[in-house]
């Protein structure tokens, strides 16, 4: 049983529709049609219900908008540790240089 759901003509909110199209799922065609294949059960009714459940699950997965990343600054301690480690590494490398007489 194949369930086809056309995103272009659906009544889904625009934000959800855009996130579904950006999802890159193999079940969504370039035309914006979701094709869900369900053949787990011998009964057509059960397969239809399973396909609808999967469609609802797919829509629910993009229903919550992703949280925007807030850029953070490195802590004072981490900056200090990084610079100290750079100084140690530079000292090791400078010791490898040949000594001029």
PDB file of N, CA and C in Angstrom:
ATOM      1  N   UNK A   1       0.839  -1.173   0.000  1.00  0.00           N
ATOM      2  CA  UNK A   1       0.000   0.000   0.000  1.00  0.00           C
ATOM      3  C   UNK A   1       0.888   1.241   0.000  1.00  0.00           C
ATOM      4  N   UNK A   2       0.637   2.144  -0.911  1.00  0.00           N
ATOM      5  CA  UNK A   2       1.386   3.394  -1.018  1.00  0.00           C
ATOM      6  C   UNK A   2       0.474   4.543  -0.610  1.00  0.00           C
ATOM      7  N   UNK A   3       0.971   5.347   0.317  1.00  0.00           N
ATOM      8  CA  UNK A   3       0.252   6.552   0.721  1.00  0.00           C
ATOM      9  C   UNK A   3       0.972   7.731   0.097  1.00  0.00           C
ATOM     10  N   UNK A   4       0.252   8.551  -0.637  1.00  0.00           N
ATOM     11  CA  UNK A   4       0.847   9.732  -1.269  1.00  0.00           C
ATOM     12  C   UNK A   4       0.252  10.977  -0.630  1.00  0.00           C
ATOM     13  N   UNK A   5       1.135  11.900  -0.261  1.00  0.00           N
ATOM     14  CA  UNK A   5       0.720  13.150   0.384  1.00  0.00           C
ATOM     15  C   UNK A   5       1.436  14.291  -0.314  1.00  0.00           C
ATOM     16  N   UNK A   6       0.664  15.151  -0.979  1.00  0.00           N
ATOM     17  CA  UNK A   6       1.241  16.269  -1.729  1.00  0.00           C
ATOM     18  C   UNK A   6       1.414  17.467  -0.800  1.00  0.00           C
ATOM     19  N   UNK A   7       2.658  17.863  -0.592  1.00  0.00           N
ATOM     20  CA  UNK A   7       2.938  18.981   0.309  1.00  0.00           C
ATOM     21  C   UNK A   7       2.507  20.317  -0.279  1.00  0.00           C
ATOM     22  N   UNK A   8       2.594  20.454  -1.596  1.00  0.00           N
ATOM     23  CA  UNK A   8       2.275  21.737  -2.238  1.00  0.00           C
ATOM     24  C   UNK A   8       0.803  22.121  -2.041  1.00  0.00           C
ATOM     25  N   UNK A   9      -0.088  21.134  -2.095  1.00  0.00           N
ATOM     26  CA  UNK A   9      -1.519  21.423  -1.983  1.00  0.00           C
ATOM     27  C   UNK A   9      -2.068  21.155  -0.593  1.00  0.00           C
ATOM     28  N   UNK A  10      -1.206  20.803   0.349  1.00  0.00           N
ATOM     29  CA  UNK A  10      -1.687  20.476   1.696  1.00  0.00           C
ATOM     30  C   UNK A  10      -1.995  21.751   2.478  1.00  0.00           C
ATOM     31  N   UNK A  11      -2.720  21.572   3.573  1.00  0.00           N
ATOM     32  CA  UNK A  11      -3.082  22.708   4.421  1.00  0.00           C
ATOM     33  C   UNK A  11      -2.124  22.857   5.597  1.00  0.00           C
ATOM     34  N   UNK A  12      -0.948  22.244   5.490  1.00  0.00           N
ATOM     35  CA  UNK A  12       0.046  22.378   6.556  1.00  0.00           C
ATOM     36  C   UNK A  12       0.558  23.815   6.615  1.00  0.00           C
ATOM     37  N   UNK A  13       0.958  24.271   7.792  1.00  0.00           N
ATOM     38  CA  UNK A  13       1.553  25.618   7.871  1.00  0.00           C
ATOM     39  C   UNK A  13       2.815  25.710   7.020  1.00  0.00           C
ATOM     40  N   UNK A  14       3.070  26.902   6.524  1.00  0.00           N
ATOM     41  CA  UNK A  14       4.196  27.111   5.606  1.00  0.00           C
ATOM     42  C   UNK A  14       5.533  26.713   6.234  1.00  0.00           C
ATOM     43  N   UNK A  15       5.711  26.999   7.520  1.00  0.00           N
ATOM     44  CA  UNK A  15       6.980  26.693   8.191  1.00  0.00           C
ATOM     45  C   UNK A  15       7.226  25.181   8.223  1.00  0.00           C
ATOM     46  N   UNK A  16       6.201  24.420   8.534  1.00  0.00           N
ATOM     47  CA  UNK A  16       6.339  22.959   8.590  1.00  0.00           C
ATOM     48  C   UNK A  16       6.592  22.404   7.193  1.00  0.00           C
ATOM     49  N   UNK A  17       5.895  22.955   6.200  1.00  0.00           N
ATOM     50  CA  UNK A  17       6.073  22.503   4.824  1.00  0.00           C
ATOM     51  C   UNK A  17       7.521  22.735   4.357  1.00  0.00           C
ATOM     52  N   UNK A  18       8.065  23.906   4.683  1.00  0.00           N
ATOM     53  CA  UNK A  18       9.446  24.215   4.289  1.00  0.00           C
ATOM     54  C   UNK A  18      10.441  23.283   4.982  1.00  0.00           C
ATOM     55  N   UNK A  19      10.212  23.010   6.273  1.00  0.00           N
ATOM     56  CA  UNK A  19      11.128  22.113   6.988  1.00  0.00           C
ATOM     57  C   UNK A  19      11.047  20.700   6.447  1.00  0.00           C
ATOM     58  N   UNK A  20       9.864  20.260   6.036  1.00  0.00           N
ATOM     59  CA  UNK A  20       9.724  18.928   5.443  1.00  0.00           C
ATOM     60  C   UNK A  20      10.472  18.841   4.119  1.00  0.00           C
ATOM     61  N   UNK A  21      10.370  19.886   3.298  1.00  0.00           N
ATOM     62  CA  UNK A  21      11.055  19.881   2.015  1.00  0.00           C
ATOM     63  C   UNK A  21      12.568  19.930   2.194  1.00  0.00           C
ATOM     64  N   UNK A  22      13.055  20.619   3.245  1.00  0.00           N
ATOM     65  CA  UNK A  22      14.487  20.705   3.510  1.00  0.00           C
ATOM     66  C   UNK A  22      15.034  19.440   4.145  1.00  0.00           C
ATOM     67  N   UNK A  23      14.150  18.582   4.624  1.00  0.00           N
ATOM     68  CA  UNK A  23      14.547  17.406   5.386  1.00  0.00           C
ATOM     69  C   UNK A  23      15.459  16.477   4.598  1.00  0.00           C
ATOM     70  N   UNK A  24      15.248  16.360   3.299  1.00  0.00           N
ATOM     71  CA  UNK A  24      16.093  15.495   2.479  1.00  0.00           C
ATOM     72  C   UNK A  24      15.781  14.029   2.668  1.00  0.00           C
ATOM     73  N   UNK A  25      14.578  13.720   3.093  1.00  0.00           N
ATOM     74  CA  UNK A  25      14.168  12.330   3.299  1.00  0.00           C
ATOM     75  C   UNK A  25      13.945  11.669   1.935  1.00  0.00           C
ATOM     76  N   UNK A  26      14.324  10.407   1.808  1.00  0.00           N
ATOM     77  CA  UNK A  26      14.188   9.713   0.520  1.00  0.00           C
ATOM     78  C   UNK A  26      12.724   9.481   0.143  1.00  0.00           C
ATOM     79  N   UNK A  27      11.824   9.614   1.095  1.00  0.00           N
ATOM     80  CA  UNK A  27      10.392   9.418   0.804  1.00  0.00           C
ATOM     81  C   UNK A  27       9.751  10.656   0.208  1.00  0.00           C
ATOM     82  N   UNK A  28      10.464  11.792   0.219  1.00  0.00           N
ATOM     83  CA  UNK A  28       9.908  13.038  -0.321  1.00  0.00           C
ATOM     84  C   UNK A  28      10.512  13.274  -1.698  1.00  0.00           C
ATOM     85  N   UNK A  29       9.646  13.338  -2.715  1.00  0.00           N
ATOM     86  CA  UNK A  29      10.131  13.531  -4.085  1.00  0.00           C
ATOM     87  C   UNK A  29      10.473  15.000  -4.320  1.00  0.00           C
ATOM     88  N   UNK A  30      11.083  15.269  -5.467  1.00  0.00           N
ATOM     89  CA  UNK A  30      11.444  16.639  -5.815  1.00  0.00           C
ATOM     90  C   UNK A  30      10.203  17.497  -6.038  1.00  0.00           C
ATOM     91  N   UNK A  31       9.100  16.854  -6.399  1.00  0.00           N
ATOM     92  CA  UNK A  31       7.845  17.573  -6.627  1.00  0.00           C
ATOM     93  C   UNK A  31       7.134  17.910  -5.330  1.00  0.00           C
ATOM     94  N   UNK A  32       7.656  17.442  -4.198  1.00  0.00           N
ATOM     95  CA  UNK A  32       7.032  17.725  -2.907  1.00  0.00           C
ATOM     96  C   UNK A  32       5.939  16.733  -2.545  1.00  0.00           C
ATOM     97  N   UNK A  33       6.048  15.510  -3.039  1.00  0.00           N
ATOM     98  CA  UNK A  33       5.064  14.471  -2.720  1.00  0.00           C
ATOM     99  C   UNK A  33       5.736  13.447  -1.804  1.00  0.00           C
ATOM    100  N   UNK A  34       5.108  13.220  -0.661  1.00  0.00           N
ATOM    101  CA  UNK A  34       5.623  12.207   0.268  1.00  0.00           C
ATOM    102  C   UNK A  34       4.981  10.882  -0.111  1.00  0.00           C
ATOM    103  N   UNK A  35       5.809   9.856  -0.323  1.00  0.00           N
ATOM    104  CA  UNK A  35       5.322   8.521  -0.656  1.00  0.00           C
ATOM    105  C   UNK A  35       5.753   7.587   0.461  1.00  0.00           C
ATOM    106  N   UNK A  36       4.768   7.034   1.157  1.00  0.00           N
ATOM    107  CA  UNK A  36       5.049   6.103   2.247  1.00  0.00           C
ATOM    108  C   UNK A  36       4.502   4.743   1.856  1.00  0.00           C
ATOM    109  N   UNK A  37       5.383   3.750   1.877  1.00  0.00           N
ATOM    110  CA  UNK A  37       5.003   2.391   1.492  1.00  0.00           C
ATOM    111  C   UNK A  37       4.821   1.572   2.763  1.00  0.00           C
ATOM    112  N   UNK A  38       3.664   0.971   2.914  1.00  0.00           N
ATOM    113  CA  UNK A  38       3.382   0.148   4.096  1.00  0.00           C
ATOM    114  C   UNK A  38       2.858  -1.201   3.630  1.00  0.00           C
ATOM    115  N   UNK A  39       3.594  -2.254   3.949  1.00  0.00           N
ATOM    116  CA  UNK A  39       3.149  -3.605   3.592  1.00  0.00           C
ATOM    117  C   UNK A  39       3.510  -4.594   4.699  1.00  0.00           C
ATOM    118  N   UNK A  40       3.438  -4.101   5.926  1.00  0.00           N
ATOM    119  CA  UNK A  40       3.796  -4.915   7.072  1.00  0.00           C
ATOM    120  C   UNK A  40       2.716  -5.951   7.401  1.00  0.00           C
ATOM    121  N   UNK A  41       1.471  -5.563   7.223  1.00  0.00           N
ATOM    122  CA  UNK A  41       0.346  -6.422   7.588  1.00  0.00           C
ATOM    123  C   UNK A  41      -0.311  -7.020   6.344  1.00  0.00           C
ATOM    124  N   UNK A  42      -1.097  -8.050   6.557  1.00  0.00           N
ATOM    125  CA  UNK A  42      -1.833  -8.654   5.443  1.00  0.00           C
ATOM    126  C   UNK A  42      -3.107  -7.878   5.143  1.00  0.00           C
ATOM    127  N   UNK A  43      -3.563  -7.112   6.110  1.00  0.00           N
ATOM    128  CA  UNK A  43      -4.795  -6.345   5.944  1.00  0.00           C
ATOM    129  C   UNK A  43      -4.495  -4.968   5.362  1.00  0.00           C
ATOM    130  N   UNK A  44      -5.280  -4.586   4.372  1.00  0.00           N
ATOM    131  CA  UNK A  44      -5.092  -3.274   3.754  1.00  0.00           C
ATOM    132  C   UNK A  44      -5.396  -2.152   4.747  1.00  0.00           C
ATOM    133  N   UNK A  45      -6.404  -2.371   5.579  1.00  0.00           N
ATOM    134  CA  UNK A  45      -6.778  -1.349   6.564  1.00  0.00           C
ATOM    135  C   UNK A  45      -5.648  -1.104   7.559  1.00  0.00           C
ATOM    136  N   UNK A  46      -5.014  -2.183   8.016  1.00  0.00           N
ATOM    137  CA  UNK A  46      -3.908  -2.026   8.961  1.00  0.00           C
ATOM    138  C   UNK A  46      -2.718  -1.349   8.303  1.00  0.00           C
ATOM    139  N   UNK A  47      -2.459  -1.682   7.039  1.00  0.00           N
ATOM    140  CA  UNK A  47      -1.364  -1.041   6.316  1.00  0.00           C
ATOM    141  C   UNK A  47      -1.648   0.444   6.109  1.00  0.00           C
ATOM    142  N   UNK A  48      -2.890   0.778   5.809  1.00  0.00           N
ATOM    143  CA  UNK A  48      -3.273   2.178   5.630  1.00  0.00           C
ATOM    144  C   UNK A  48      -3.085   2.940   6.944  1.00  0.00           C
ATOM    145  N   UNK A  49      -3.509   2.344   8.050  1.00  0.00           N
ATOM    146  CA  UNK A  49      -3.346   2.986   9.359  1.00  0.00           C
ATOM    147  C   UNK A  49      -1.867   3.161   9.703  1.00  0.00           C
ATOM    148  N   UNK A  50      -1.054   2.167   9.362  1.00  0.00           N
ATOM    149  CA  UNK A  50       0.381   2.242   9.618  1.00  0.00           C
ATOM    150  C   UNK A  50       1.025   3.352   8.783  1.00  0.00           C
ATOM    151  N   UNK A  51       0.612   3.474   7.528  1.00  0.00           N
ATOM    152  CA  UNK A  51       1.156   4.525   6.656  1.00  0.00           C
ATOM    153  C   UNK A  51       0.766   5.906   7.179  1.00  0.00           C
ATOM    154  N   UNK A  52      -0.455   6.062   7.630  1.00  0.00           N
ATOM    155  CA  UNK A  52      -0.904   7.342   8.187  1.00  0.00           C
ATOM    156  C   UNK A  52      -0.142   7.656   9.470  1.00  0.00           C
ATOM    157  N   UNK A  53       0.111   6.630  10.295  1.00  0.00           N
ATOM    158  CA  UNK A  53       0.864   6.824  11.529  1.00  0.00           C
ATOM    159  C   UNK A  53       2.283   7.302  11.217  1.00  0.00           C
ATOM    160  N   UNK A  54       2.902   6.706  10.186  1.00  0.00           N
ATOM    161  CA  UNK A  54       4.253   7.114   9.803  1.00  0.00           C
ATOM    162  C   UNK A  54       4.275   8.542   9.260  1.00  0.00           C
ATOM    163  N   UNK A  55       3.233   8.911   8.498  1.00  0.00           N
ATOM    164  CA  UNK A  55       3.140  10.277   7.988  1.00  0.00           C
ATOM    165  C   UNK A  55       3.008  11.265   9.141  1.00  0.00           C
ATOM    166  N   UNK A  56       2.158  10.936  10.108  1.00  0.00           N
ATOM    167  CA  UNK A  56       1.996  11.803  11.279  1.00  0.00           C
ATOM    168  C   UNK A  56       3.310  11.926  12.044  1.00  0.00           C
ATOM    169  N   UNK A  57       4.040  10.832  12.140  1.00  0.00           N
ATOM    170  CA  UNK A  57       5.321  10.833  12.840  1.00  0.00           C
ATOM    171  C   UNK A  57       6.334  11.716  12.103  1.00  0.00           C
ATOM    172  N   UNK A  58       6.329  11.653  10.776  1.00  0.00           N
ATOM    173  CA  UNK A  58       7.235  12.469   9.972  1.00  0.00           C
ATOM    174  C   UNK A  58       6.923  13.951  10.142  1.00  0.00           C
ATOM    175  N   UNK A  59       5.642  14.302  10.118  1.00  0.00           N
ATOM    176  CA  UNK A  59       5.241  15.703  10.277  1.00  0.00           C
ATOM    177  C   UNK A  59       5.555  16.175  11.698  1.00  0.00           C
ATOM    178  N   UNK A  60       5.331  15.315  12.692  1.00  0.00           N
ATOM    179  CA  UNK A  60       5.611  15.694  14.079  1.00  0.00           C
ATOM    180  C   UNK A  60       7.103  15.904  14.316  1.00  0.00           C
ATOM    181  N   UNK A  61       7.942  15.206  13.553  1.00  0.00           N
ATOM    182  CA  UNK A  61       9.387  15.350  13.750  1.00  0.00           C
ATOM    183  C   UNK A  61       9.896  16.731  13.358  1.00  0.00           C
ATOM    184  N   UNK A  62       9.184  17.421  12.476  1.00  0.00           N
ATOM    185  CA  UNK A  62       9.597  18.772  12.065  1.00  0.00           C
ATOM    186  C   UNK A  62       8.656  19.844  12.596  1.00  0.00           C
ATOM    187  N   UNK A  63       7.659  19.453  13.395  1.00  0.00           N
ATOM    188  CA  UNK A  63       6.672  20.419  13.886  1.00  0.00           C
ATOM    189  C   UNK A  63       7.298  21.421  14.848  1.00  0.00           C
ATOM    190  N   UNK A  64       8.255  20.969  15.660  1.00  0.00           N
ATOM    191  CA  UNK A  64       8.911  21.867  16.613  1.00  0.00           C
ATOM    192  C   UNK A  64      10.076  22.544  15.897  1.00  0.00           C
ATOM    193  N   UNK A  65      10.089  23.865  15.836  1.00  0.00           N
ATOM    194  CA  UNK A  65      11.182  24.540  15.128  1.00  0.00           C
ATOM    195  C   UNK A  65      12.505  24.312  15.850  1.00  0.00           C
ATOM    196  N   UNK A  66      13.590  24.178  15.096  1.00  0.00           N
ATOM    197  CA  UNK A  66      14.888  23.958  15.735  1.00  0.00           C
ATOM    198  C   UNK A  66      15.312  25.196  16.522  1.00  0.00           C
ATOM    199  N   UNK A  67      15.979  24.953  17.643  1.00  0.00           N
ATOM    200  CA  UNK A  67      16.439  26.071  18.461  1.00  0.00           C
ATOM    201  C   UNK A  67      17.607  26.757  17.767  1.00  0.00           C
ATOM    202  N   UNK A  68      17.618  28.090  17.819  1.00  0.00           N
ATOM    203  CA  UNK A  68      18.705  28.833  17.193  1.00  0.00           C
ATOM    204  C   UNK A  68      19.922  28.796  18.102  1.00  0.00           C
ATOM    205  N   UNK A  69      21.085  28.675  17.497  1.00  0.00           N
ATOM    206  CA  UNK A  69      22.319  28.604  18.267  1.00  0.00           C
ATOM    207  C   UNK A  69      22.718  29.987  18.714  1.00  0.00           C
ATOM    208  N   UNK A  70      22.988  30.111  20.010  1.00  0.00           N
ATOM    209  CA  UNK A  70      23.482  31.376  20.542  1.00  0.00           C
ATOM    210  C   UNK A  70      24.997  31.280  20.644  1.00  0.00           C
ATOM    211  N   UNK A  71      25.723  32.116  19.919  1.00  0.00           N
ATOM    212  CA  UNK A  71      27.180  32.028  19.975  1.00  0.00           C
ATOM    213  C   UNK A  71      27.684  32.383  21.372  1.00  0.00           C
ATOM    214  N   UNK A  72      28.659  31.625  21.842  1.00  0.00           N
ATOM    215  CA  UNK A  72      29.214  31.859  23.169  1.00  0.00           C
ATOM    216  C   UNK A  72      30.700  32.184  23.047  1.00  0.00           C
ATOM    217  N   UNK A  73      31.221  32.825  24.074  1.00  0.00           N
ATOM    218  CA  UNK A  73      32.640  33.152  24.095  1.00  0.00           C
ATOM    219  C   UNK A  73      33.358  32.127  24.952  1.00  0.00           C
ATOM    220  N   UNK A  74      34.624  31.834  24.642  1.00  0.00           N
ATOM    221  CA  UNK A  74      35.368  30.904  25.495  1.00  0.00           C
ATOM    222  C   UNK A  74      35.585  31.509  26.874  1.00  0.00           C
ATOM    223  N   UNK A  75      35.647  30.658  27.887  1.00  0.00           N
ATOM    224  CA  UNK A  75      35.844  31.148  29.251  1.00  0.00           C
ATOM    225  C   UNK A  75      37.258  31.689  29.419  1.00  0.00           C
ATOM    226  N   UNK A  76      37.417  32.503  30.437  1.00  0.00           N
ATOM    227  CA  UNK A  76      38.728  33.105  30.711  1.00  0.00           C
ATOM    228  C   UNK A  76      39.760  32.014  30.978  1.00  0.00           C
ATOM    229  N   UNK A  77      39.384  31.001  31.725  1.00  0.00           N
ATOM    230  CA  UNK A  77      40.301  29.910  32.041  1.00  0.00           C
ATOM    231  C   UNK A  77      40.712  29.122  30.815  1.00  0.00           C
ATOM    232  N   UNK A  78      39.774  28.876  29.910  1.00  0.00           N
ATOM    233  CA  UNK A  78      40.121  28.101  28.716  1.00  0.00           C
ATOM    234  C   UNK A  78      41.050  28.892  27.799  1.00  0.00           C
ATOM    235  N   UNK A  79      40.866  30.209  27.729  1.00  0.00           N
ATOM    236  CA  UNK A  79      41.762  31.042  26.925  1.00  0.00           C
ATOM    237  C   UNK A  79      43.167  31.003  27.524  1.00  0.00           C
ATOM    238  N   UNK A  80      43.231  31.114  28.866  1.00  0.00           N
ATOM    239  CA  UNK A  80      44.526  31.073  29.552  1.00  0.00           C
ATOM    240  C   UNK A  80      45.245  29.745  29.319  1.00  0.00           C
ATOM    241  N   UNK A  81      44.518  28.638  29.443  1.00  0.00           N
ATOM    242  CA  UNK A  81      45.103  27.304  29.228  1.00  0.00           C
ATOM    243  C   UNK A  81      45.607  27.147  27.791  1.00  0.00           C
ATOM    244  N   UNK A  82      44.835  27.636  26.828  1.00  0.00           N
ATOM    245  CA  UNK A  82      45.238  27.514  25.428  1.00  0.00           C
ATOM    246  C   UNK A  82      46.508  28.304  25.159  1.00  0.00           C
ATOM    247  N   UNK A  83      46.579  29.525  25.673  1.00  0.00           N
ATOM    248  CA  UNK A  83      47.765  30.345  25.437  1.00  0.00           C
ATOM    249  C   UNK A  83      48.988  29.769  26.139  1.00  0.00           C
ATOM    250  N   UNK A  84      48.789  29.219  27.344  1.00  0.00           N
ATOM    251  CA  UNK A  84      49.904  28.593  28.054  1.00  0.00           C
ATOM    252  C   UNK A  84      50.414  27.372  27.297  1.00  0.00           C
ATOM    253  N   UNK A  85      49.500  26.595  26.756  1.00  0.00           N
ATOM    254  CA  UNK A  85      49.877  25.404  25.987  1.00  0.00           C
ATOM    255  C   UNK A  85      50.621  25.813  24.712  1.00  0.00           C
ATOM    256  N   UNK A  86      50.191  26.928  24.095  1.00  0.00           N
ATOM    257  CA  UNK A  86      50.881  27.423  22.905  1.00  0.00           C
ATOM    258  C   UNK A  86      52.301  27.871  23.247  1.00  0.00           C
ATOM    259  N   UNK A  87      52.453  28.515  24.416  1.00  0.00           N
ATOM    260  CA  UNK A  87      53.789  28.953  24.836  1.00  0.00           C
ATOM    261  C   UNK A  87      54.702  27.758  25.064  1.00  0.00           C
ATOM    262  N   UNK A  88      54.172  26.715  25.708  1.00  0.00           N
ATOM    263  CA  UNK A  88      54.974  25.508  25.964  1.00  0.00           C
ATOM    264  C   UNK A  88      55.385  24.856  24.647  1.00  0.00           C
ATOM    265  N   UNK A  89      54.457  24.765  23.706  1.00  0.00           N
ATOM    266  CA  UNK A  89      54.733  24.147  22.409  1.00  0.00           C
ATOM    267  C   UNK A  89      55.773  24.962  21.640  1.00  0.00           C
ATOM    268  N   UNK A  90      55.639  26.296  21.697  1.00  0.00           N
ATOM    269  CA  UNK A  90      56.603  27.165  21.013  1.00  0.00           C
ATOM    270  C   UNK A  90      57.987  27.011  21.624  1.00  0.00           C
ATOM    271  N   UNK A  91      58.047  26.864  22.944  1.00  0.00           N
ATOM    272  CA  UNK A  91      59.340  26.692  23.612  1.00  0.00           C
ATOM    273  C   UNK A  91      59.990  25.379  23.183  1.00  0.00           C
ATOM    274  N   UNK A  92      59.224  24.321  23.087  1.00  0.00           N
ATOM    275  CA  UNK A  92      59.745  23.028  22.648  1.00  0.00           C
ATOM    276  C   UNK A  92      60.294  23.136  21.229  1.00  0.00           C
ATOM    277  N   UNK A  93      59.558  23.824  20.368  1.00  0.00           N
ATOM    278  CA  UNK A  93      59.989  23.955  18.975  1.00  0.00           C
ATOM    279  C   UNK A  93      61.226  24.859  18.861  1.00  0.00           C
ATOM    280  N   UNK A  94      61.282  25.896  19.700  1.00  0.00           N
ATOM    281  CA  UNK A  94      62.447  26.789  19.629  1.00  0.00           C
ATOM    282  C   UNK A  94      63.700  26.090  20.140  1.00  0.00           C
ATOM    283  N   UNK A  95      63.545  25.126  21.064  1.00  0.00           N
ATOM    284  CA  UNK A  95      64.695  24.355  21.541  1.00  0.00           C
ATOM    285  C   UNK A  95      65.254  23.429  20.461  1.00  0.00           C
ATOM    286  N   UNK A  96      64.464  23.095  19.462  1.00  0.00           N
ATOM    287  CA  UNK A  96      64.916  22.214  18.389  1.00  0.00           C
ATOM    288  C   UNK A  96      65.798  22.935  17.380  1.00  0.00           C
ATOM    289  N   UNK A  97      65.727  24.245  17.385  1.00  0.00           N
ATOM    290  CA  UNK A  97      66.524  25.018  16.409  1.00  0.00           C
ATOM    291  C   UNK A  97      67.996  24.856  16.666  1.00  0.00           C
ATOM    292  N   UNK A  98      68.768  24.978  15.603  1.00  0.00           N
ATOM    293  CA  UNK A  98      70.226  24.847  15.758  1.00  0.00           C
ATOM    294  C   UNK A  98      70.789  26.069  16.459  1.00  0.00           C
ATOM    295  N   UNK A  99      71.792  25.863  17.248  1.00  0.00           N
ATOM    296  CA  UNK A  99      72.400  26.945  18.015  1.00  0.00           C
ATOM    297  C   UNK A  99      73.497  27.577  17.174  1.00  0.00           C
ATOM    298  N   UNK A 100      73.480  28.907  17.026  1.00  0.00           N
ATOM    299  CA  UNK A 100      74.509  29.622  16.247  1.00  0.00           C
ATOM    300  C   UNK A 100      75.671  29.955  17.173  1.00  0.00           C
ATOM    301  N   UNK A 101      76.899  29.604  16.739  1.00  0.00           N
ATOM    302  CA  UNK A 101      78.088  29.901  17.528  1.00  0.00           C
ATOM    303  C   UNK A 101      78.778  31.136  17.064  1.00  0.00           C
TER     304      UNK A 101
END
